[in-house]
Amino acid sequence: MCRRWFSNDDAKAAEAEAAAAQRVAAEEVKQQAIQERAIAKREDISQALTASSERKGRRGGTGRRSMIMAQSGQGFLSRFG
């Protein structure tokens, strides 16, 4: 007729508390990984946009140009006309 110091209820409560703490820790790690990926994606997108705008700037203008009559005088008619 010895009584245990801890009943089964106490052991189950301790296990549930430990499991809850592990779930919280795992969720924090998961959220941190998601945030790191989001930051990396944001940086990649901004780099791609700046590279794209730099390439557009080197082309010399926007829109389509006629190969026959270019505004700068480098069209077909000015070369061979």
Protein backbone atom coordinates (compact mmCIF):
# COMPACT_ATOMS: atom_id res chain seq x y z
CA MET A 1 0.00 0.00 0.00
CA CYS A 2 2.70 2.37 -0.96
CA ARG A 3 1.66 5.43 -2.76
CA ARG A 4 3.70 6.73 -5.61
CA TRP A 5 5.09 10.19 -5.41
CA PHE A 6 3.77 10.94 -8.89
CA SER A 7 0.54 9.60 -10.21
CA ASN A 8 -0.02 8.70 -13.86
CA ASP A 9 -1.84 11.97 -14.32
CA ASP A 10 1.27 13.90 -13.31
CA ALA A 11 3.43 11.90 -15.72
CA LYS A 12 0.96 12.41 -18.57
CA ALA A 13 0.78 16.12 -17.85
CA ALA A 14 4.58 16.38 -17.88
CA GLU A 15 4.74 14.51 -21.20
CA ALA A 16 2.07 16.75 -22.69
CA GLU A 17 3.91 19.85 -21.52
CA ALA A 18 7.19 18.59 -23.00
CA ALA A 19 5.46 17.77 -26.29
CA ALA A 20 3.89 21.23 -26.39
CA ALA A 21 7.27 22.84 -25.78
CA GLN A 22 8.78 20.79 -28.61
CA ARG A 23 5.97 21.81 -30.96
CA VAL A 24 6.52 25.48 -30.12
CA ALA A 25 10.26 25.17 -30.71
CA ALA A 26 9.71 23.36 -34.02
CA GLU A 27 7.24 26.04 -35.15
CA GLU A 28 9.73 28.79 -34.30
CA VAL A 29 12.45 27.07 -36.35
CA LYS A 30 10.00 26.61 -39.22
CA GLN A 31 8.96 30.28 -39.16
CA GLN A 32 12.58 31.40 -39.06
CA ALA A 33 13.38 29.26 -42.13
CA ILE A 34 10.36 30.71 -43.95
CA GLN A 35 11.49 34.26 -43.16
CA GLU A 36 15.04 33.55 -44.35
CA ARG A 37 13.71 32.14 -47.64
CA ALA A 38 11.45 35.17 -48.06
CA ILE A 39 14.37 37.55 -47.53
CA ALA A 40 16.50 35.62 -50.02
CA LYS A 41 13.69 35.66 -52.60
CA ARG A 42 13.16 39.38 -52.08
CA GLU A 43 16.87 40.03 -52.68
CA ASP A 44 16.90 37.81 -55.77
CA ILE A 45 13.88 39.58 -57.21
CA SER A 46 15.34 43.03 -56.58
CA GLN A 47 18.64 41.98 -58.19
CA ALA A 48 16.78 40.62 -61.21
CA LEU A 49 14.79 43.83 -61.56
CA THR A 50 17.85 46.05 -61.34
CA ALA A 51 19.69 43.87 -63.86
CA SER A 52 16.70 44.01 -66.19
CA SER A 53 16.48 47.78 -65.95
CA GLU A 54 20.23 48.08 -66.58
CA ARG A 55 19.91 45.93 -69.71
CA LYS A 56 17.01 48.06 -70.95
CA GLY A 57 19.06 51.19 -70.36
CA ARG A 58 21.87 49.88 -72.54
CA ARG A 59 19.59 49.21 -75.48
CA GLY A 60 19.14 52.90 -76.04
CA GLY A 61 15.44 53.44 -75.69
CA THR A 62 12.01 52.03 -75.25
CA GLY A 63 9.56 50.64 -77.71
CA ARG A 64 10.11 49.25 -81.18
CA ARG A 65 12.18 50.91 -83.81
CA SER A 66 11.95 50.60 -87.51
CA MET A 67 14.98 49.07 -89.14
CA ILE A 68 14.23 51.04 -92.26
CA MET A 69 13.93 54.50 -90.72
CA ALA A 70 15.71 54.80 -87.38
CA GLN A 71 15.71 58.20 -85.67
CA SER A 72 19.44 58.24 -85.14
CA GLY A 73 20.19 57.96 -88.83
CA GLN A 74 21.47 54.41 -88.55
CA GLY A 75 18.53 52.83 -90.38
CA PHE A 76 18.58 50.96 -93.67
CA LEU A 77 17.69 53.95 -95.83
CA SER A 78 20.44 56.14 -94.44
CA ARG A 79 23.07 53.47 -94.94
CA PHE A 80 22.10 52.18 -98.37
CA GLY A 81 19.72 54.81 -99.68
